PDB file of all heavy atoms in Angstrom:
ATOM      1  N   LYS A   1       6.313 -39.099  77.721  1.00  0.00           N
ATOM      2  CA  LYS A   1       7.124 -40.005  78.548  1.00  0.00           C
ATOM      3  C   LYS A   1       6.693 -39.845  79.994  1.00  0.00           C
ATOM      4  O   LYS A   1       6.364 -38.754  80.436  1.00  0.00           O
ATOM      5  CB  LYS A   1       8.610 -39.655  78.490  1.00  0.00           C
ATOM      6  CG  LYS A   1       9.273 -39.879  77.179  1.00  0.00           C
ATOM      7  CD  LYS A   1      10.081 -41.141  77.206  1.00  0.00           C
ATOM      8  CE  LYS A   1      10.819 -41.309  75.906  1.00  0.00           C
ATOM      9  NZ  LYS A   1      10.369 -42.400  75.118  1.00  0.00           N
ATOM     10  N   SER A   2       6.763 -40.941  80.741  1.00  0.00           N
ATOM     11  CA  SER A   2       6.491 -40.836  82.176  1.00  0.00           C
ATOM     12  C   SER A   2       7.778 -40.976  82.983  1.00  0.00           C
ATOM     13  O   SER A   2       7.857 -40.478  84.102  1.00  0.00           O
ATOM     14  CB  SER A   2       5.473 -41.878  82.610  1.00  0.00           C
ATOM     15  OG  SER A   2       5.943 -43.176  82.336  1.00  0.00           O
ATOM     16  N   SER A   3       8.766 -41.651  82.399  1.00  0.00           N
ATOM     17  CA  SER A   3      10.055 -41.773  83.079  1.00  0.00           C
ATOM     18  C   SER A   3      11.137 -42.188  82.096  1.00  0.00           C
ATOM     19  O   SER A   3      10.845 -42.698  81.021  1.00  0.00           O
ATOM     20  CB  SER A   3       9.980 -42.784  84.223  1.00  0.00           C
ATOM     21  OG  SER A   3       9.774 -44.077  83.716  1.00  0.00           O
ATOM     22  N   LEU A   4      12.368 -41.953  82.513  1.00  0.00           N
ATOM     23  CA  LEU A   4      13.553 -42.366  81.754  1.00  0.00           C
ATOM     24  C   LEU A   4      14.519 -43.008  82.738  1.00  0.00           C
ATOM     25  O   LEU A   4      14.720 -42.483  83.836  1.00  0.00           O
ATOM     26  CB  LEU A   4      14.232 -41.159  81.106  1.00  0.00           C
ATOM     27  CG  LEU A   4      13.428 -40.404  80.056  1.00  0.00           C
ATOM     28  CD1 LEU A   4      13.940 -38.990  79.926  1.00  0.00           C
ATOM     29  CD2 LEU A   4      13.529 -41.126  78.731  1.00  0.00           C
ATOM     30  N   THR A   5      15.117 -44.117  82.344  1.00  0.00           N
ATOM     31  CA  THR A   5      16.115 -44.789  83.173  1.00  0.00           C
ATOM     32  C   THR A   5      17.395 -44.917  82.353  1.00  0.00           C
ATOM     33  O   THR A   5      17.373 -45.475  81.254  1.00  0.00           O
ATOM     34  CB  THR A   5      15.613 -46.175  83.622  1.00  0.00           C
ATOM     35  OG1 THR A   5      14.376 -45.990  84.332  1.00  0.00           O
ATOM     36  CG2 THR A   5      16.611 -46.854  84.525  1.00  0.00           C
ATOM     37  N   ILE A   6      18.482 -44.396  82.908  1.00  0.00           N
ATOM     38  CA  ILE A   6      19.766 -44.346  82.215  1.00  0.00           C
ATOM     39  C   ILE A   6      20.828 -44.980  83.101  1.00  0.00           C
ATOM     40  O   ILE A   6      20.962 -44.592  84.267  1.00  0.00           O
ATOM     41  CB  ILE A   6      20.189 -42.881  81.925  1.00  0.00           C
ATOM     42  CG1 ILE A   6      19.059 -42.075  81.269  1.00  0.00           C
ATOM     43  CG2 ILE A   6      21.480 -42.827  81.134  1.00  0.00           C
ATOM     44  CD1 ILE A   6      18.733 -42.415  79.862  1.00  0.00           C
ATOM     45  N   PRO A   7      21.628 -45.920  82.581  1.00  0.00           N
ATOM     46  CA  PRO A   7      22.741 -46.445  83.378  1.00  0.00           C
ATOM     47  C   PRO A   7      23.724 -45.309  83.735  1.00  0.00           C
ATOM     48  O   PRO A   7      24.047 -44.479  82.885  1.00  0.00           O
ATOM     49  CB  PRO A   7      23.412 -47.460  82.451  1.00  0.00           C
ATOM     50  CG  PRO A   7      22.397 -47.769  81.398  1.00  0.00           C
ATOM     51  CD  PRO A   7      21.540 -46.544  81.267  1.00  0.00           C
ATOM     52  N   LEU A   8      24.185 -45.283  84.976  1.00  0.00           N
ATOM     53  CA  LEU A   8      25.116 -44.229  85.395  1.00  0.00           C
ATOM     54  C   LEU A   8      26.392 -44.229  84.563  1.00  0.00           C
ATOM     55  O   LEU A   8      27.019 -43.183  84.389  1.00  0.00           O
ATOM     56  CB  LEU A   8      25.457 -44.374  86.876  1.00  0.00           C
ATOM     57  CG  LEU A   8      24.369 -43.927  87.841  1.00  0.00           C
ATOM     58  CD1 LEU A   8      24.777 -44.244  89.276  1.00  0.00           C
ATOM     59  CD2 LEU A   8      24.072 -42.442  87.685  1.00  0.00           C
ATOM     60  N   ALA A   9      26.758 -45.381  84.028  1.00  0.00           N
ATOM     61  CA  ALA A   9      27.949 -45.459  83.182  1.00  0.00           C
ATOM     62  C   ALA A   9      27.814 -44.584  81.937  1.00  0.00           C
ATOM     63  O   ALA A   9      28.822 -44.194  81.341  1.00  0.00           O
ATOM     64  CB  ALA A   9      28.214 -46.905  82.782  1.00  0.00           C
ATOM     65  N   ASN A  10      26.588 -44.259  81.544  1.00  0.00           N
ATOM     66  CA  ASN A  10      26.344 -43.451  80.343  1.00  0.00           C
ATOM     67  C   ASN A  10      26.032 -41.991  80.660  1.00  0.00           C
ATOM     68  O   ASN A  10      25.704 -41.227  79.763  1.00  0.00           O
ATOM     69  CB  ASN A  10      25.205 -44.053  79.527  1.00  0.00           C
ATOM     70  CG  ASN A  10      25.570 -45.408  78.965  1.00  0.00           C
ATOM     71  OD1 ASN A  10      26.726 -45.820  79.020  1.00  0.00           O
ATOM     72  ND2 ASN A  10      24.600 -46.108  78.443  1.00  0.00           N
ATOM     73  N   VAL A  11      26.119 -41.613  81.935  1.00  0.00           N
ATOM     74  CA  VAL A  11      25.879 -40.228  82.339  1.00  0.00           C
ATOM     75  C   VAL A  11      27.222 -39.527  82.446  1.00  0.00           C
ATOM     76  O   VAL A  11      28.103 -39.962  83.186  1.00  0.00           O
ATOM     77  CB  VAL A  11      25.120 -40.160  83.684  1.00  0.00           C
ATOM     78  CG1 VAL A  11      24.933 -38.711  84.114  1.00  0.00           C
ATOM     79  CG2 VAL A  11      23.785 -40.873  83.578  1.00  0.00           C
ATOM     80  N   ARG A  12      27.403 -38.449  81.688  1.00  0.00           N
ATOM     81  CA  ARG A  12      28.673 -37.725  81.690  1.00  0.00           C
ATOM     82  C   ARG A  12      28.728 -36.634  82.745  1.00  0.00           C
ATOM     83  O   ARG A  12      29.791 -36.262  83.210  1.00  0.00           O
ATOM     84  CB  ARG A  12      28.908 -37.119  80.315  1.00  0.00           C
ATOM     85  CG  ARG A  12      28.983 -38.174  79.228  1.00  0.00           C
ATOM     86  CD  ARG A  12      28.859 -37.564  77.891  1.00  0.00           C
ATOM     87  NE  ARG A  12      30.179 -37.402  77.306  1.00  0.00           N
ATOM     88  CZ  ARG A  12      30.402 -36.762  76.184  1.00  0.00           C
ATOM     89  NH1 ARG A  12      29.406 -36.184  75.550  1.00  0.00           N
ATOM     90  NH2 ARG A  12      31.613 -36.670  75.699  1.00  0.00           N
ATOM     91  N   GLY A  13      27.569 -36.079  83.101  1.00  0.00           N
ATOM     92  CA  GLY A  13      27.543 -35.015  84.099  1.00  0.00           C
ATOM     93  C   GLY A  13      26.272 -34.206  83.997  1.00  0.00           C
ATOM     94  O   GLY A  13      25.412 -34.487  83.168  1.00  0.00           O
ATOM     95  N   ALA A  14      26.178 -33.186  84.845  1.00  0.00           N
ATOM     96  CA  ALA A  14      24.988 -32.336  84.871  1.00  0.00           C
ATOM     97  C   ALA A  14      25.383 -30.909  85.219  1.00  0.00           C
ATOM     98  O   ALA A  14      26.355 -30.687  85.939  1.00  0.00           O
ATOM     99  CB  ALA A  14      23.990 -32.866  85.891  1.00  0.00           C
ATOM    100  N   THR A  15      24.613 -29.968  84.690  1.00  0.00           N
ATOM    101  CA  THR A  15      24.814 -28.553  84.990  1.00  0.00           C
ATOM    102  C   THR A  15      23.458 -27.866  85.111  1.00  0.00           C
ATOM    103  O   THR A  15      22.509 -28.248  84.438  1.00  0.00           O
ATOM    104  CB  THR A  15      25.619 -27.831  83.890  1.00  0.00           C
ATOM    105  OG1 THR A  15      24.964 -28.011  82.629  1.00  0.00           O
ATOM    106  CG2 THR A  15      27.041 -28.345  83.792  1.00  0.00           C
ATOM    107  N   ALA A  16      23.404 -26.866  85.967  1.00  0.00           N
ATOM    108  CA  ALA A  16      22.234 -25.991  86.011  1.00  0.00           C
ATOM    109  C   ALA A  16      22.435 -24.964  84.912  1.00  0.00           C
ATOM    110  O   ALA A  16      23.496 -24.348  84.829  1.00  0.00           O
ATOM    111  CB  ALA A  16      22.120 -25.333  87.374  1.00  0.00           C
ATOM    112  N   ASP A  17      21.458 -24.801  84.037  1.00  0.00           N
ATOM    113  CA  ASP A  17      21.621 -23.915  82.885  1.00  0.00           C
ATOM    114  C   ASP A  17      20.322 -23.192  82.544  1.00  0.00           C
ATOM    115  O   ASP A  17      19.596 -23.594  81.643  1.00  0.00           O
ATOM    116  CB  ASP A  17      22.111 -24.708  81.678  1.00  0.00           C
ATOM    117  CG  ASP A  17      22.502 -23.829  80.508  1.00  0.00           C
ATOM    118  OD1 ASP A  17      22.309 -22.599  80.577  1.00  0.00           O
ATOM    119  OD2 ASP A  17      22.999 -24.369  79.505  1.00  0.00           O
ATOM    120  N   PRO A  18      20.005 -22.109  83.260  1.00  0.00           N
ATOM    121  CA  PRO A  18      18.765 -21.387  82.984  1.00  0.00           C
ATOM    122  C   PRO A  18      18.737 -20.745  81.592  1.00  0.00           C
ATOM    123  O   PRO A  18      17.671 -20.500  81.044  1.00  0.00           O
ATOM    124  CB  PRO A  18      18.695 -20.329  84.085  1.00  0.00           C
ATOM    125  CG  PRO A  18      20.055 -20.236  84.649  1.00  0.00           C
ATOM    126  CD  PRO A  18      20.741 -21.544  84.380  1.00  0.00           C
ATOM    127  N   GLY A  19      19.895 -20.522  80.997  1.00  0.00           N
ATOM    128  CA  GLY A  19      19.956 -19.901  79.673  1.00  0.00           C
ATOM    129  C   GLY A  19      19.639 -20.838  78.527  1.00  0.00           C
ATOM    130  O   GLY A  19      19.432 -20.386  77.396  1.00  0.00           O
ATOM    131  N   ILE A  20      19.569 -22.132  78.795  1.00  0.00           N
ATOM    132  CA  ILE A  20      19.352 -23.089  77.719  1.00  0.00           C
ATOM    133  C   ILE A  20      17.992 -22.923  77.050  1.00  0.00           C
ATOM    134  O   ILE A  20      17.813 -23.273  75.894  1.00  0.00           O
ATOM    135  CB  ILE A  20      19.553 -24.541  78.186  1.00  0.00           C
ATOM    136  CG1 ILE A  20      19.704 -25.445  76.965  1.00  0.00           C
ATOM    137  CG2 ILE A  20      18.408 -24.986  79.090  1.00  0.00           C
ATOM    138  CD1 ILE A  20      20.381 -26.736  77.214  1.00  0.00           C
ATOM    139  N   ALA A  21      17.033 -22.365  77.743  1.00  0.00           N
ATOM    140  CA  ALA A  21      15.692 -22.182  77.178  1.00  0.00           C
ATOM    141  C   ALA A  21      15.713 -21.287  75.942  1.00  0.00           C
ATOM    142  O   ALA A  21      14.840 -21.392  75.090  1.00  0.00           O
ATOM    143  CB  ALA A  21      14.748 -21.618  78.222  1.00  0.00           C
ATOM    144  N   ALA A  22      16.721 -20.429  75.827  1.00  0.00           N
ATOM    145  CA  ALA A  22      16.827 -19.537  74.673  1.00  0.00           C
ATOM    146  C   ALA A  22      17.509 -20.212  73.484  1.00  0.00           C
ATOM    147  O   ALA A  22      17.469 -19.679  72.375  1.00  0.00           O
ATOM    148  CB  ALA A  22      17.597 -18.282  75.067  1.00  0.00           C
ATOM    149  N   ASP A  23      18.123 -21.372  73.696  1.00  0.00           N
ATOM    150  CA  ASP A  23      18.805 -22.080  72.618  1.00  0.00           C
ATOM    151  C   ASP A  23      17.810 -22.671  71.627  1.00  0.00           C
ATOM    152  O   ASP A  23      16.668 -22.968  71.989  1.00  0.00           O
ATOM    153  CB  ASP A  23      19.668 -23.216  73.183  1.00  0.00           C
ATOM    154  CG  ASP A  23      20.902 -22.722  73.900  1.00  0.00           C
ATOM    155  OD1 ASP A  23      21.132 -21.493  73.934  1.00  0.00           O
ATOM    156  OD2 ASP A  23      21.628 -23.569  74.452  1.00  0.00           O
ATOM    157  N   PRO A  24      18.251 -22.889  70.385  1.00  0.00           N
ATOM    158  CA  PRO A  24      17.375 -23.559  69.410  1.00  0.00           C
ATOM    159  C   PRO A  24      17.001 -24.956  69.894  1.00  0.00           C
ATOM    160  O   PRO A  24      17.821 -25.648  70.495  1.00  0.00           O
ATOM    161  CB  PRO A  24      18.233 -23.645  68.150  1.00  0.00           C
ATOM    162  CG  PRO A  24      19.351 -22.688  68.350  1.00  0.00           C
ATOM    163  CD  PRO A  24      19.543 -22.544  69.821  1.00  0.00           C
ATOM    164  N   LYS A  25      15.775 -25.347  69.657  1.00  0.00           N
ATOM    165  CA  LYS A  25      15.285 -26.654  70.107  1.00  0.00           C
ATOM    166  C   LYS A  25      15.400 -27.720  69.029  1.00  0.00           C
ATOM    167  O   LYS A  25      15.553 -28.879  69.321  1.00  0.00           O
ATOM    168  CB  LYS A  25      13.807 -26.581  70.533  1.00  0.00           C
ATOM    169  CG  LYS A  25      13.455 -25.465  71.485  1.00  0.00           C
ATOM    170  CD  LYS A  25      14.200 -25.550  72.790  1.00  0.00           C
ATOM    171  CE  LYS A  25      13.800 -24.459  73.743  1.00  0.00           C
ATOM    172  NZ  LYS A  25      14.383 -23.165  73.560  1.00  0.00           N
ATOM    173  N   GLY A  26      15.246 -27.328  67.784  1.00  0.00           N
ATOM    174  CA  GLY A  26      15.257 -28.284  66.685  1.00  0.00           C
ATOM    175  C   GLY A  26      13.837 -28.673  66.314  1.00  0.00           C
ATOM    176  O   GLY A  26      12.874 -27.967  66.607  1.00  0.00           O
ATOM    177  N   ILE A  27      13.727 -29.835  65.708  1.00  0.00           N
ATOM    178  CA  ILE A  27      12.435 -30.330  65.238  1.00  0.00           C
ATOM    179  C   ILE A  27      11.796 -31.172  66.327  1.00  0.00           C
ATOM    180  O   ILE A  27      12.401 -32.111  66.832  1.00  0.00           O
ATOM    181  CB  ILE A  27      12.608 -31.147  63.943  1.00  0.00           C
ATOM    182  CG1 ILE A  27      13.179 -30.241  62.849  1.00  0.00           C
ATOM    183  CG2 ILE A  27      11.284 -31.765  63.515  1.00  0.00           C
ATOM    184  CD1 ILE A  27      13.625 -30.984  61.614  1.00  0.00           C
ATOM    185  N   ARG A  28      10.581 -30.863  66.668  1.00  0.00           N
ATOM    186  CA  ARG A  28       9.831 -31.552  67.723  1.00  0.00           C
ATOM    187  C   ARG A  28       9.205 -32.817  67.143  1.00  0.00           C
ATOM    188  O   ARG A  28       8.519 -32.770  66.136  1.00  0.00           O
ATOM    189  CB  ARG A  28       8.763 -30.600  68.225  1.00  0.00           C
ATOM    190  CG  ARG A  28       7.797 -31.156  69.200  1.00  0.00           C
ATOM    191  CD  ARG A  28       6.705 -30.161  69.433  1.00  0.00           C
ATOM    192  NE  ARG A  28       6.098 -29.862  68.135  1.00  0.00           N
ATOM    193  CZ  ARG A  28       5.199 -28.937  67.916  1.00  0.00           C
ATOM    194  NH1 ARG A  28       4.791 -28.183  68.871  1.00  0.00           N
ATOM    195  NH2 ARG A  28       4.697 -28.741  66.740  1.00  0.00           N
ATOM    196  N   ALA A  29       9.456 -33.950  67.793  1.00  0.00           N
ATOM    197  CA  ALA A  29       8.854 -35.198  67.318  1.00  0.00           C
ATOM    198  C   ALA A  29       9.042 -36.322  68.318  1.00  0.00           C
ATOM    199  O   ALA A  29      10.096 -36.937  68.358  1.00  0.00           O
ATOM    200  CB  ALA A  29       9.471 -35.594  65.980  1.00  0.00           C
ATOM    201  N   PRO A  30       8.117 -36.674  69.115  1.00  0.00           N
ATOM    202  CA  PRO A  30       6.890 -35.960  69.449  1.00  0.00           C
ATOM    203  C   PRO A  30       7.129 -35.052  70.647  1.00  0.00           C
ATOM    204  O   PRO A  30       8.068 -35.239  71.400  1.00  0.00           O
ATOM    205  CB  PRO A  30       5.938 -37.088  69.823  1.00  0.00           C
ATOM    206  CG  PRO A  30       6.836 -38.109  70.470  1.00  0.00           C
ATOM    207  CD  PRO A  30       8.146 -38.011  69.712  1.00  0.00           C
ATOM    208  N   GLY A  31       6.239 -34.098  70.837  1.00  0.00           N
ATOM    209  CA  GLY A  31       6.365 -33.208  71.978  1.00  0.00           C
ATOM    210  C   GLY A  31       5.518 -31.969  71.830  1.00  0.00           C
ATOM    211  O   GLY A  31       4.694 -31.866  70.937  1.00  0.00           O
ATOM    212  N   ALA A  32       5.770 -31.028  72.729  1.00  0.00           N
ATOM    213  CA  ALA A  32       5.033 -29.768  72.745  1.00  0.00           C
ATOM    214  C   ALA A  32       6.008 -28.623  72.943  1.00  0.00           C
ATOM    215  O   ALA A  32       6.972 -28.742  73.696  1.00  0.00           O
ATOM    216  CB  ALA A  32       4.018 -29.775  73.890  1.00  0.00           C
ATOM    217  N   HIS A  33       5.753 -27.523  72.243  1.00  0.00           N
ATOM    218  CA  HIS A  33       6.601 -26.340  72.417  1.00  0.00           C
ATOM    219  C   HIS A  33       5.752 -25.093  72.227  1.00  0.00           C
ATOM    220  O   HIS A  33       5.228 -24.843  71.154  1.00  0.00           O
ATOM    221  CB  HIS A  33       7.755 -26.342  71.418  1.00  0.00           C
ATOM    222  CG  HIS A  33       8.650 -25.148  71.546  1.00  0.00           C
ATOM    223  ND1 HIS A  33       9.327 -24.845  72.704  1.00  0.00           N
ATOM    224  CD2 HIS A  33       8.956 -24.161  70.684  1.00  0.00           C
ATOM    225  CE1 HIS A  33      10.033 -23.733  72.524  1.00  0.00           C
ATOM    226  NE2 HIS A  33       9.805 -23.303  71.304  1.00  0.00           N
ATOM    227  N   LEU A  34       5.598 -24.347  73.291  1.00  0.00           N
ATOM    228  CA  LEU A  34       4.943 -23.052  73.282  1.00  0.00           C
ATOM    229  C   LEU A  34       5.952 -22.102  73.911  1.00  0.00           C
ATOM    230  O   LEU A  34       6.161 -22.147  75.130  1.00  0.00           O
ATOM    231  CB  LEU A  34       3.666 -23.122  74.129  1.00  0.00           C
ATOM    232  CG  LEU A  34       2.462 -22.341  73.633  1.00  0.00           C
ATOM    233  CD1 LEU A  34       2.027 -22.822  72.270  1.00  0.00           C
ATOM    234  CD2 LEU A  34       1.336 -22.481  74.617  1.00  0.00           C
ATOM    235  N   PRO A  35       6.648 -21.288  73.104  1.00  0.00           N
ATOM    236  CA  PRO A  35       7.716 -20.439  73.632  1.00  0.00           C
ATOM    237  C   PRO A  35       7.284 -19.655  74.872  1.00  0.00           C
ATOM    238  O   PRO A  35       6.222 -19.041  74.899  1.00  0.00           O
ATOM    239  CB  PRO A  35       8.036 -19.511  72.460  1.00  0.00           C
ATOM    240  CG  PRO A  35       7.645 -20.309  71.247  1.00  0.00           C
ATOM    241  CD  PRO A  35       6.432 -21.083  71.672  1.00  0.00           C
TER     242      PRO A  35
END
């Protein structure tokens, strides 16, 4: 992807979360994952 555009009406909020990298990612399709 080069960009994503989301209507603000569909944005619930945002948080800084450095710990999320340790969470399960699920199945990659498409993408890249090198722990």
